[in-house]
């Protein structure tokens, strides 16, 4: 069997499989790698005075990782700059927050080139390379320039922006052209794929090529939809574990006969946290008779705290949670428990299980694995209700959730009331349909479908920019 080499900006494979961050992407990629003899390559998260390309190897719960340090300037320009201040807000339709700085773009190109130069000597002839996310869009181009002819796939975890916004990015054409060095590009949803295809056809004068192919810039690439999922059985096991059960018991006891709602999101303006709290505030205002019977546990680990935009949203959320608690709390009840910390995966499973409602209300999101984790954690005989933003990628699959427009606080408020008063029979029916979706998009299916499609690509030519065609459909 060919080795699988996974490449991502940060190598977040956990040492303890029971531990995991909100969203579960680290667990998804770790599960994908364990069934292949390969490695996970990326930035260590550490800095060095001078970039050397020296690698540090670790074994993390059966996953071999290869880590490289970056210079402080690299981190500032490539990661804090182009990745977090340019591409992330742009891909989430926040042009008002997008920073276009020449040094950021130069750092982005430099770090992708450095990653390629460090990885290239490790690649064996039969290896399959799977590169992840917006941080590393140009990396396949740089690997090709170093003579790498292996199959290389790219998976975008975020949304793809609409063409009219993408063209505001300086050198947008060069960024998209670099994607044509891949053999296969995967998207979370049909919507994101359609937006990418629209750009290629409209801006690059590209053409459709066979089944699932695009031709532009003198090259051909396959594109497909591969919705990511969770490791379903592992998450159920975490829910039923000693720590998962203990956490459930603690949360159920702390609810004191009230209905607990939960939100689990890292701190980010794309997650709709302010809109969620405002919708909850509207619910409390509209339904005074239900106030003391419900509370929201909002788990929001801090991320990117050295970026000004994230410091601003943290301050606004702190103030908003304080205002709502100050306005509505009573001596024995607080409407919001706002927690800026991370929890282990088994603990999250216990929290989810205890929650009667889960609020997943991003303003724009590639997929959102929290929605799937919540469904997997439920008691089949008495499941909770998922409230899901129609702008999350998961909404394309999870139509049995209560879909809402997070920009409408009235719509969120009405969905909360409907979820809290939903009859058991309807909750069971909706959960069963949603759980089937979760099983059908298990991380193993995601992994096998993407790698299988990548292996099916027929590579023709051996120049710097070979044509790529695929004989079989994904």
Protein backbone atom coordinates (compact mmCIF):
# COMPACT_ATOMS: atom_id res chain seq x y z
CA UNK A 1 0.00 0.00 0.00
CA UNK A 2 1.24 3.51 -0.79
CA UNK A 3 2.16 5.76 2.10
CA UNK A 4 -0.13 8.69 2.82
CA UNK A 5 1.59 11.98 3.63
CA UNK A 6 -0.75 14.54 5.20
CA UNK A 7 0.40 18.15 5.17
CA UNK A 8 -1.22 20.94 7.17
CA UNK A 9 -0.16 24.22 8.72
CA UNK A 10 -0.29 22.91 12.29
CA UNK A 11 0.17 19.30 13.21
CA UNK A 12 -2.46 18.87 15.86
CA UNK A 13 -2.58 15.09 16.22
CA UNK A 14 -3.31 14.59 19.94
CA UNK A 15 -1.14 12.36 22.12
CA UNK A 16 -4.29 11.14 23.87
CA UNK A 17 -7.05 10.04 21.41
CA UNK A 18 -9.68 10.92 24.03
CA UNK A 19 -8.55 14.55 23.96
CA UNK A 20 -9.50 16.89 21.18
CA UNK A 21 -10.33 20.46 20.40
CA UNK A 22 -13.78 21.78 19.60
CA UNK A 23 -14.72 20.85 16.07
CA UNK A 24 -12.73 17.64 15.93
CA UNK A 25 -10.63 18.22 12.80
CA UNK A 26 -7.50 16.98 14.56
CA UNK A 27 -9.30 13.75 15.42
CA UNK A 28 -10.56 13.40 11.86
CA UNK A 29 -7.10 13.65 10.32
CA UNK A 30 -5.56 11.41 12.98
CA UNK A 31 -8.15 8.75 12.25
CA UNK A 32 -7.42 9.09 8.53
CA UNK A 33 -3.70 8.51 9.07
CA UNK A 34 -3.85 5.55 11.43
CA UNK A 35 -4.97 3.22 8.66
CA UNK A 36 -2.08 4.23 6.41
CA UNK A 37 1.67 3.84 6.81
CA UNK A 38 2.59 7.49 6.48
CA UNK A 39 3.20 10.72 8.33
CA UNK A 40 1.75 14.14 9.14
CA UNK A 41 4.00 17.06 8.23
CA UNK A 42 3.69 20.71 9.19
CA UNK A 43 4.71 23.59 11.41
CA UNK A 44 5.62 22.78 15.00
CA UNK A 45 4.08 25.98 16.35
CA UNK A 46 7.56 26.99 17.56
CA UNK A 47 9.89 29.68 16.24
CA UNK A 48 13.61 29.69 15.59
CA UNK A 49 16.09 32.54 15.02
CA UNK A 50 17.14 31.12 11.65
CA UNK A 51 15.16 28.71 9.49
CA UNK A 52 17.10 25.45 9.09
CA UNK A 53 14.47 22.99 7.88
CA UNK A 54 15.52 20.55 10.60
CA UNK A 55 12.75 18.08 11.38
CA UNK A 56 11.56 16.78 14.73
CA UNK A 57 9.75 13.43 14.68
CA UNK A 58 7.17 12.30 17.22
CA UNK A 59 4.75 9.43 17.64
CA UNK A 60 1.32 10.63 18.71
CA UNK A 61 -1.10 7.82 19.47
CA UNK A 62 0.10 5.80 16.48
CA UNK A 63 0.49 8.78 14.13
CA UNK A 64 4.02 9.71 13.02
CA UNK A 65 4.43 13.48 12.83
CA UNK A 66 7.28 15.51 11.31
CA UNK A 67 7.59 19.06 12.61
CA UNK A 68 9.57 22.06 11.42
CA UNK A 69 10.11 25.40 13.17
CA UNK A 70 9.55 28.76 11.45
CA UNK A 71 11.18 32.14 11.92
CA UNK A 72 9.23 34.83 13.78
CA UNK A 73 8.94 36.84 10.56
CA UNK A 74 7.44 33.78 8.85
CA UNK A 75 4.82 33.45 11.56
CA UNK A 76 3.93 37.13 11.41
CA UNK A 77 3.65 37.39 7.63
CA UNK A 78 2.50 33.92 6.59
CA UNK A 79 0.32 32.83 9.52
CA UNK A 80 -0.85 35.92 11.41
CA UNK A 81 -0.76 37.90 8.19
CA UNK A 82 -1.81 36.26 4.93
CA UNK A 83 -3.56 33.23 6.43
CA UNK A 84 -5.44 34.91 9.29
CA UNK A 85 -5.79 38.51 8.16
CA UNK A 86 -6.20 38.00 4.41
CA UNK A 87 -7.45 34.59 3.28
CA UNK A 88 -9.52 33.62 6.34
CA UNK A 89 -11.72 36.75 6.40
CA UNK A 90 -11.95 36.85 2.60
CA UNK A 91 -13.01 33.20 2.35
CA UNK A 92 -15.66 33.91 5.00
CA UNK A 93 -16.98 36.98 3.14
CA UNK A 94 -15.56 39.50 5.61
CA UNK A 95 -13.92 41.83 3.13
CA UNK A 96 -14.24 44.59 5.74
CA UNK A 97 -11.71 42.68 7.87
CA UNK A 98 -9.43 41.59 5.04
CA UNK A 99 -5.91 43.06 5.06
CA UNK A 100 -4.05 43.30 1.76
CA UNK A 101 -0.36 43.76 2.58
CA UNK A 102 2.46 42.95 0.15
CA UNK A 103 4.67 41.57 2.94
CA UNK A 104 1.93 39.12 3.93
CA UNK A 105 1.78 37.68 0.42
CA UNK A 106 5.57 37.47 0.23
CA UNK A 107 5.69 35.60 3.54
CA UNK A 108 2.95 33.23 2.39
CA UNK A 109 4.89 32.35 -0.77
CA UNK A 110 8.15 31.99 1.17
CA UNK A 111 6.79 29.61 3.80
CA UNK A 112 5.01 27.42 1.23
CA UNK A 113 8.28 27.18 -0.69
CA UNK A 114 10.18 26.31 2.50
CA UNK A 115 7.67 23.63 3.42
CA UNK A 116 8.02 22.11 -0.06
CA UNK A 117 11.82 22.13 0.13
CA UNK A 118 11.78 20.37 3.51
CA UNK A 119 9.16 17.81 2.53
CA UNK A 120 10.43 16.92 -0.95
CA UNK A 121 13.39 14.73 0.21
CA UNK A 122 11.03 12.67 2.38
CA UNK A 123 8.73 11.74 -0.50
CA UNK A 124 9.08 8.25 -1.95
CA UNK A 125 7.97 7.39 -5.51
CA UNK A 126 4.67 5.72 -4.53
CA UNK A 127 3.64 8.16 -1.80
CA UNK A 128 0.29 9.91 -2.03
CA UNK A 129 0.33 13.48 -0.73
CA UNK A 130 -2.74 15.11 0.81
CA UNK A 131 -2.38 18.85 1.51
CA UNK A 132 -4.92 20.65 3.67
CA UNK A 133 -6.47 24.08 3.76
CA UNK A 134 -5.97 27.67 2.73
CA UNK A 135 -2.59 28.07 4.42
CA UNK A 136 -0.93 25.82 1.84
CA UNK A 137 -2.69 26.47 -1.47
CA UNK A 138 0.55 27.01 -3.48
CA UNK A 139 2.49 24.09 -1.99
CA UNK A 140 1.82 21.60 -4.79
CA UNK A 141 3.12 24.13 -7.32
CA UNK A 142 6.36 24.40 -5.32
CA UNK A 143 6.64 20.61 -5.04
CA UNK A 144 6.20 20.26 -8.80
CA UNK A 145 8.98 22.78 -9.35
CA UNK A 146 11.21 20.51 -7.24
CA UNK A 147 10.43 17.56 -9.50
CA UNK A 148 7.75 15.82 -7.42
CA UNK A 149 5.46 13.87 -9.78
CA UNK A 150 3.45 11.99 -7.15
CA UNK A 151 -0.29 12.25 -6.86
CA UNK A 152 -1.09 15.35 -4.82
CA UNK A 153 -4.56 16.19 -3.54
CA UNK A 154 -5.83 19.33 -1.84
CA UNK A 155 -8.77 19.64 0.53
CA UNK A 156 -10.27 22.99 1.46
CA UNK A 157 -11.85 22.96 4.91
CA UNK A 158 -13.25 26.49 4.62
CA UNK A 159 -15.82 27.90 2.20
CA UNK A 160 -14.70 29.17 -1.19
CA UNK A 161 -15.60 32.85 -1.68
CA UNK A 162 -17.87 34.22 -4.37
CA UNK A 163 -16.03 35.45 -7.46
CA UNK A 164 -16.99 39.10 -6.95
CA UNK A 165 -15.18 39.09 -3.58
CA UNK A 166 -12.23 36.92 -4.55
CA UNK A 167 -11.20 39.35 -7.27
CA UNK A 168 -10.55 41.98 -4.59
CA UNK A 169 -7.48 39.92 -3.63
CA UNK A 170 -4.30 41.15 -5.31
CA UNK A 171 -2.83 38.35 -7.44
CA UNK A 172 -6.00 36.28 -7.06
CA UNK A 173 -5.37 34.71 -10.46
CA UNK A 174 -1.94 33.48 -9.40
CA UNK A 175 -3.40 31.92 -6.26
CA UNK A 176 -6.06 30.04 -8.22
CA UNK A 177 -3.58 29.02 -10.92
CA UNK A 178 -1.41 27.35 -8.26
CA UNK A 179 -4.32 25.03 -7.44
CA UNK A 180 -4.00 23.54 -10.91
CA UNK A 181 -0.75 21.88 -9.83
CA UNK A 182 -2.89 19.42 -7.85
CA UNK A 183 -4.45 16.28 -9.26
CA UNK A 184 -7.62 16.54 -7.17
CA UNK A 185 -9.23 19.42 -5.26
CA UNK A 186 -11.86 18.56 -2.67
CA UNK A 187 -14.56 20.81 -1.24
CA UNK A 188 -16.93 20.35 1.69
CA UNK A 189 -20.12 21.13 -0.25
CA UNK A 190 -21.50 21.50 -3.74
CA UNK A 191 -21.93 25.22 -3.12
CA UNK A 192 -18.21 25.80 -2.49
CA UNK A 193 -17.31 23.70 -5.54
CA UNK A 194 -19.74 25.66 -7.73
CA UNK A 195 -18.22 28.95 -6.60
CA UNK A 196 -14.72 27.74 -7.46
CA UNK A 197 -15.86 26.53 -10.86
CA UNK A 198 -17.59 29.87 -11.48
CA UNK A 199 -14.33 31.74 -10.88
CA UNK A 200 -12.32 29.43 -13.15
CA UNK A 201 -14.81 29.67 -16.00
CA UNK A 202 -15.56 33.38 -15.67
CA UNK A 203 -12.18 34.85 -14.71
CA UNK A 204 -9.68 32.33 -16.10
CA UNK A 205 -11.70 31.40 -19.19
CA UNK A 206 -11.53 27.78 -18.09
CA UNK A 207 -13.63 24.94 -19.41
CA UNK A 208 -15.32 21.85 -18.04
CA UNK A 209 -13.33 18.74 -18.91
CA UNK A 210 -15.01 15.34 -18.75
CA UNK A 211 -16.64 14.18 -15.54
CA UNK A 212 -15.63 16.40 -12.61
CA UNK A 213 -12.75 18.06 -14.43
CA UNK A 214 -11.71 21.64 -15.06
CA UNK A 215 -9.18 22.85 -17.60
CA UNK A 216 -7.43 26.21 -17.31
CA UNK A 217 -3.94 27.70 -17.27
CA UNK A 218 -2.87 24.92 -19.65
CA UNK A 219 -3.63 22.25 -17.05
CA UNK A 220 -6.42 19.96 -16.04
CA UNK A 221 -7.57 19.16 -12.50
CA UNK A 222 -10.31 17.02 -10.98
CA UNK A 223 -12.69 18.59 -8.47
CA UNK A 224 -15.17 16.90 -6.16
CA UNK A 225 -17.33 17.20 -3.05
CA UNK A 226 -16.10 15.25 -0.03
CA UNK A 227 -18.06 16.26 3.11
CA UNK A 228 -15.93 15.67 6.17
CA UNK A 229 -17.31 13.79 9.15
CA UNK A 230 -16.31 12.54 12.57
CA UNK A 231 -15.05 9.18 13.78
CA UNK A 232 -18.54 8.12 14.79
CA UNK A 233 -17.79 5.01 16.82
CA UNK A 234 -14.85 6.64 18.58
CA UNK A 235 -17.07 9.56 19.57
CA UNK A 236 -19.80 7.25 20.85
CA UNK A 237 -17.14 5.38 22.83
CA UNK A 238 -15.97 8.71 24.26
CA UNK A 239 -19.55 9.54 25.23
CA UNK A 240 -19.87 6.19 27.03
CA UNK A 241 -16.42 6.32 28.63
CA UNK A 242 -15.85 6.85 32.33
CA UNK A 243 -14.94 10.53 31.85
CA UNK A 244 -17.79 11.07 29.37
CA UNK A 245 -20.31 9.57 31.78
CA UNK A 246 -18.86 11.48 34.72
CA UNK A 247 -19.09 14.77 32.81
CA UNK A 248 -22.67 14.02 31.79
CA UNK A 249 -23.62 13.31 35.39
CA UNK A 250 -22.03 16.57 36.56
CA UNK A 251 -23.75 18.64 33.88
CA UNK A 252 -27.12 16.97 34.42
CA UNK A 253 -26.85 17.60 38.15
CA UNK A 254 -25.82 21.23 37.66
CA UNK A 255 -28.83 21.80 35.41
CA UNK A 256 -31.06 21.39 38.47
CA UNK A 257 -34.14 20.39 36.45
CA UNK A 258 -33.53 23.14 33.90
CA UNK A 259 -32.99 22.64 30.16
CA UNK A 260 -29.39 23.15 29.24
CA UNK A 261 -28.43 24.49 25.82
CA UNK A 262 -24.86 24.32 24.53
CA UNK A 263 -22.63 26.05 22.00
CA UNK A 264 -19.07 24.93 21.34
CA UNK A 265 -16.95 27.11 19.09
CA UNK A 266 -13.44 28.50 19.08
CA UNK A 267 -13.36 32.26 19.33
CA UNK A 268 -13.86 33.56 15.80
CA UNK A 269 -16.03 36.18 14.11
CA UNK A 270 -17.21 33.61 11.54
CA UNK A 271 -18.95 31.53 14.23
CA UNK A 272 -21.82 33.94 14.82
CA UNK A 273 -21.28 34.07 18.57
CA UNK A 274 -22.55 37.61 19.00
CA UNK A 275 -25.59 36.87 16.84
CA UNK A 276 -26.24 33.73 18.89
CA UNK A 277 -26.20 35.59 22.18
CA UNK A 278 -28.44 38.31 20.76
CA UNK A 279 -30.89 35.65 19.55
CA UNK A 280 -30.86 34.06 23.00
CA UNK A 281 -31.41 37.47 24.57
CA UNK A 282 -34.41 37.95 22.27
CA UNK A 283 -35.78 34.59 23.40
CA UNK A 284 -35.45 35.61 27.05
CA UNK A 285 -37.18 38.90 26.34
CA UNK A 286 -40.02 37.27 24.37
CA UNK A 287 -40.61 34.36 26.77
CA UNK A 288 -40.43 35.57 30.40
CA UNK A 289 -42.29 32.48 31.58
CA UNK A 290 -39.49 30.20 30.24
CA UNK A 291 -36.49 32.20 31.45
CA UNK A 292 -35.67 30.37 34.65
CA UNK A 293 -36.15 26.99 32.97
CA UNK A 294 -33.25 27.26 30.52
CA UNK A 295 -29.59 28.30 30.43
CA UNK A 296 -26.83 28.37 27.83
CA UNK A 297 -23.36 26.88 28.30
CA UNK A 298 -21.11 28.54 25.72
CA UNK A 299 -17.69 26.89 25.42
CA UNK A 300 -15.36 29.22 23.52
CA UNK A 301 -11.64 28.42 23.59
CA UNK A 302 -9.49 31.45 22.81
CA UNK A 303 -7.69 31.35 19.45
CA UNK A 304 -5.41 33.73 17.55
CA UNK A 305 -5.37 36.06 20.54
CA UNK A 306 -2.42 37.98 19.11
CA UNK A 307 -4.56 39.17 16.18
CA UNK A 308 -6.34 42.47 16.86
CA UNK A 309 -9.65 41.35 15.37
CA UNK A 310 -9.85 38.44 17.79
CA UNK A 311 -9.05 40.63 20.77
CA UNK A 312 -11.92 42.88 19.73
CA UNK A 313 -14.47 40.08 19.43
CA UNK A 314 -13.39 38.65 22.77
CA UNK A 315 -14.02 41.98 24.44
CA UNK A 316 -17.43 42.34 22.77
CA UNK A 317 -18.50 38.82 23.79
CA UNK A 318 -17.35 39.34 27.37
CA UNK A 319 -19.42 42.52 27.50
CA UNK A 320 -22.46 40.94 25.84
CA UNK A 321 -22.50 37.90 28.13
CA UNK A 322 -22.12 40.19 31.13
CA UNK A 323 -24.95 42.43 29.96
CA UNK A 324 -27.37 39.52 29.42
CA UNK A 325 -26.51 37.96 32.76
CA UNK A 326 -26.84 41.32 34.48
CA UNK A 327 -30.22 42.01 32.91
CA UNK A 328 -31.90 38.62 33.36
CA UNK A 329 -30.10 36.65 36.11
CA UNK A 330 -31.74 35.84 39.42
CA UNK A 331 -30.24 34.77 42.74
CA UNK A 332 -30.42 31.07 41.80
CA UNK A 333 -30.14 31.28 38.00
CA UNK A 334 -27.70 32.65 35.44
CA UNK A 335 -28.76 32.58 31.78
CA UNK A 336 -25.24 32.21 30.28
CA UNK A 337 -22.23 30.26 31.47
CA UNK A 338 -19.48 31.61 29.22
CA UNK A 339 -16.33 29.45 29.35
CA UNK A 340 -13.09 30.49 27.59
CA UNK A 341 -11.34 27.14 27.83
CA UNK A 342 -10.92 23.85 26.02
CA UNK A 343 -12.30 20.49 27.05
CA UNK A 344 -11.26 16.96 26.25
CA UNK A 345 -13.22 15.13 23.60
CA UNK A 346 -14.76 12.72 26.10
CA UNK A 347 -15.77 15.65 28.31
CA UNK A 348 -17.35 17.43 25.33
CA UNK A 349 -19.30 14.28 24.55
CA UNK A 350 -20.71 14.31 28.08
CA UNK A 351 -21.60 18.01 27.80
CA UNK A 352 -23.34 17.45 24.47
CA UNK A 353 -25.30 14.52 25.84
CA UNK A 354 -26.61 16.61 28.74
CA UNK A 355 -27.76 19.45 26.47
CA UNK A 356 -31.37 19.58 25.34
CA UNK A 357 -30.45 21.98 22.52
CA UNK A 358 -27.26 22.68 20.60
CA UNK A 359 -26.78 26.04 18.90
CA UNK A 360 -24.51 25.94 15.83
CA UNK A 361 -24.94 29.35 14.21
CA UNK A 362 -21.92 30.31 12.09
CA UNK A 363 -22.28 33.18 9.67
CA UNK A 364 -20.30 31.13 7.16
CA UNK A 365 -18.56 27.80 7.75
CA UNK A 366 -16.93 25.13 5.63
CA UNK A 367 -18.67 22.23 7.39
CA UNK A 368 -18.88 22.41 11.21
CA UNK A 369 -18.17 19.13 12.95
CA UNK A 370 -19.69 20.29 16.24
CA UNK A 371 -23.12 19.72 14.67
CA UNK A 372 -22.22 16.11 13.92
CA UNK A 373 -20.59 15.54 17.29
CA UNK A 374 -23.70 16.77 19.08
CA UNK A 375 -25.95 14.39 17.16
CA UNK A 376 -23.61 11.45 17.83
CA UNK A 377 -23.60 12.19 21.55
CA UNK A 378 -27.37 12.04 22.02
CA UNK A 379 -29.46 9.45 23.84
CA UNK A 380 -31.53 7.79 21.07
CA UNK A 381 -34.51 7.45 23.41
CA UNK A 382 -34.51 11.11 24.48
CA UNK A 383 -32.39 13.12 22.04
CA UNK A 384 -31.81 16.84 22.02
CA UNK A 385 -32.46 19.23 19.15
CA UNK A 386 -29.88 20.73 16.80
CA UNK A 387 -30.32 24.38 15.74
CA UNK A 388 -28.12 24.92 12.71
CA UNK A 389 -27.23 27.95 10.62
CA UNK A 390 -28.23 27.61 6.99
CA UNK A 391 -24.81 29.10 6.18
CA UNK A 392 -22.86 26.19 7.67
CA UNK A 393 -21.66 23.60 5.20
CA UNK A 394 -23.37 20.96 7.34
CA UNK A 395 -26.77 22.45 6.48
CA UNK A 396 -26.48 20.99 2.97
CA UNK A 397 -26.70 17.50 4.52
CA UNK A 398 -28.51 18.04 7.82
CA UNK A 399 -31.87 19.35 6.70
CA UNK A 400 -33.69 17.77 9.67
CA UNK A 401 -32.05 20.25 12.02
CA UNK A 402 -33.87 23.48 12.78
CA UNK A 403 -32.24 25.65 10.11
CA UNK A 404 -32.00 29.34 10.94
CA UNK A 405 -30.68 32.59 9.57
CA UNK A 406 -28.23 33.63 12.32
CA UNK A 407 -28.47 37.28 11.25
CA UNK A 408 -32.11 37.28 12.42
CA UNK A 409 -32.30 37.31 16.21
CA UNK A 410 -36.06 36.75 16.00
CA UNK A 411 -35.56 33.60 13.92
CA UNK A 412 -32.98 32.26 16.37
CA UNK A 413 -35.28 33.07 19.29
CA UNK A 414 -38.20 31.27 17.66
CA UNK A 415 -36.03 28.22 16.92
CA UNK A 416 -34.94 28.06 20.58
CA UNK A 417 -38.55 28.06 21.72
CA UNK A 418 -39.51 25.43 19.16
CA UNK A 419 -36.59 23.21 20.18
CA UNK A 420 -37.39 23.45 23.89
CA UNK A 421 -41.06 22.59 23.34
CA UNK A 422 -40.64 19.95 20.62
CA UNK A 423 -42.53 16.69 21.33
CA UNK A 424 -40.44 13.58 22.01
CA UNK A 425 -41.70 11.78 18.90
CA UNK A 426 -40.54 14.62 16.64
CA UNK A 427 -37.19 14.84 18.39
CA UNK A 428 -36.62 11.11 17.93
CA UNK A 429 -37.59 11.26 14.25
CA UNK A 430 -35.31 14.20 13.52
CA UNK A 431 -32.42 12.70 15.45
CA UNK A 432 -32.67 9.37 13.62
CA UNK A 433 -32.46 11.12 10.25
CA UNK A 434 -29.55 13.28 11.38
CA UNK A 435 -27.70 10.32 12.88
CA UNK A 436 -27.95 8.49 9.57
CA UNK A 437 -26.26 11.48 7.91
CA UNK A 438 -23.53 11.41 10.55
CA UNK A 439 -22.90 7.72 9.90
CA UNK A 440 -22.99 8.16 6.13
CA UNK A 441 -20.29 10.85 6.33
CA UNK A 442 -18.06 9.10 8.86
CA UNK A 443 -14.42 10.20 8.68
CA UNK A 444 -13.48 6.80 7.31
CA UNK A 445 -15.83 7.30 4.36
CA UNK A 446 -14.44 10.81 3.84
CA UNK A 447 -10.88 9.50 3.93
CA UNK A 448 -11.48 6.56 1.63
CA UNK A 449 -13.53 8.51 -0.90
CA UNK A 450 -10.93 11.26 -1.23
CA UNK A 451 -7.87 8.99 -1.34
CA UNK A 452 -9.69 6.61 -3.69
CA UNK A 453 -10.53 9.47 -6.05
CA UNK A 454 -6.94 10.72 -5.89
CA UNK A 455 -5.57 7.28 -6.70
CA UNK A 456 -7.98 7.08 -9.67
CA UNK A 457 -6.46 10.14 -11.32
CA UNK A 458 -4.61 9.21 -14.50
CA UNK A 459 -1.50 11.36 -14.85
CA UNK A 460 -0.43 12.14 -18.39
CA UNK A 461 2.84 13.92 -19.22
CA UNK A 462 5.98 14.54 -17.20
CA UNK A 463 6.76 18.23 -17.71
CA UNK A 464 6.63 21.01 -15.14
CA UNK A 465 2.86 21.25 -15.61
CA UNK A 466 1.58 17.81 -16.64
CA UNK A 467 -2.02 17.36 -17.71
CA UNK A 468 -4.10 15.36 -15.27
CA UNK A 469 -7.11 13.30 -16.23
CA UNK A 470 -9.12 10.84 -14.23
CA UNK A 471 -10.44 7.66 -15.78
CA UNK A 472 -13.05 6.92 -13.14
CA UNK A 473 -15.62 9.03 -11.31
CA UNK A 474 -15.06 9.70 -7.65
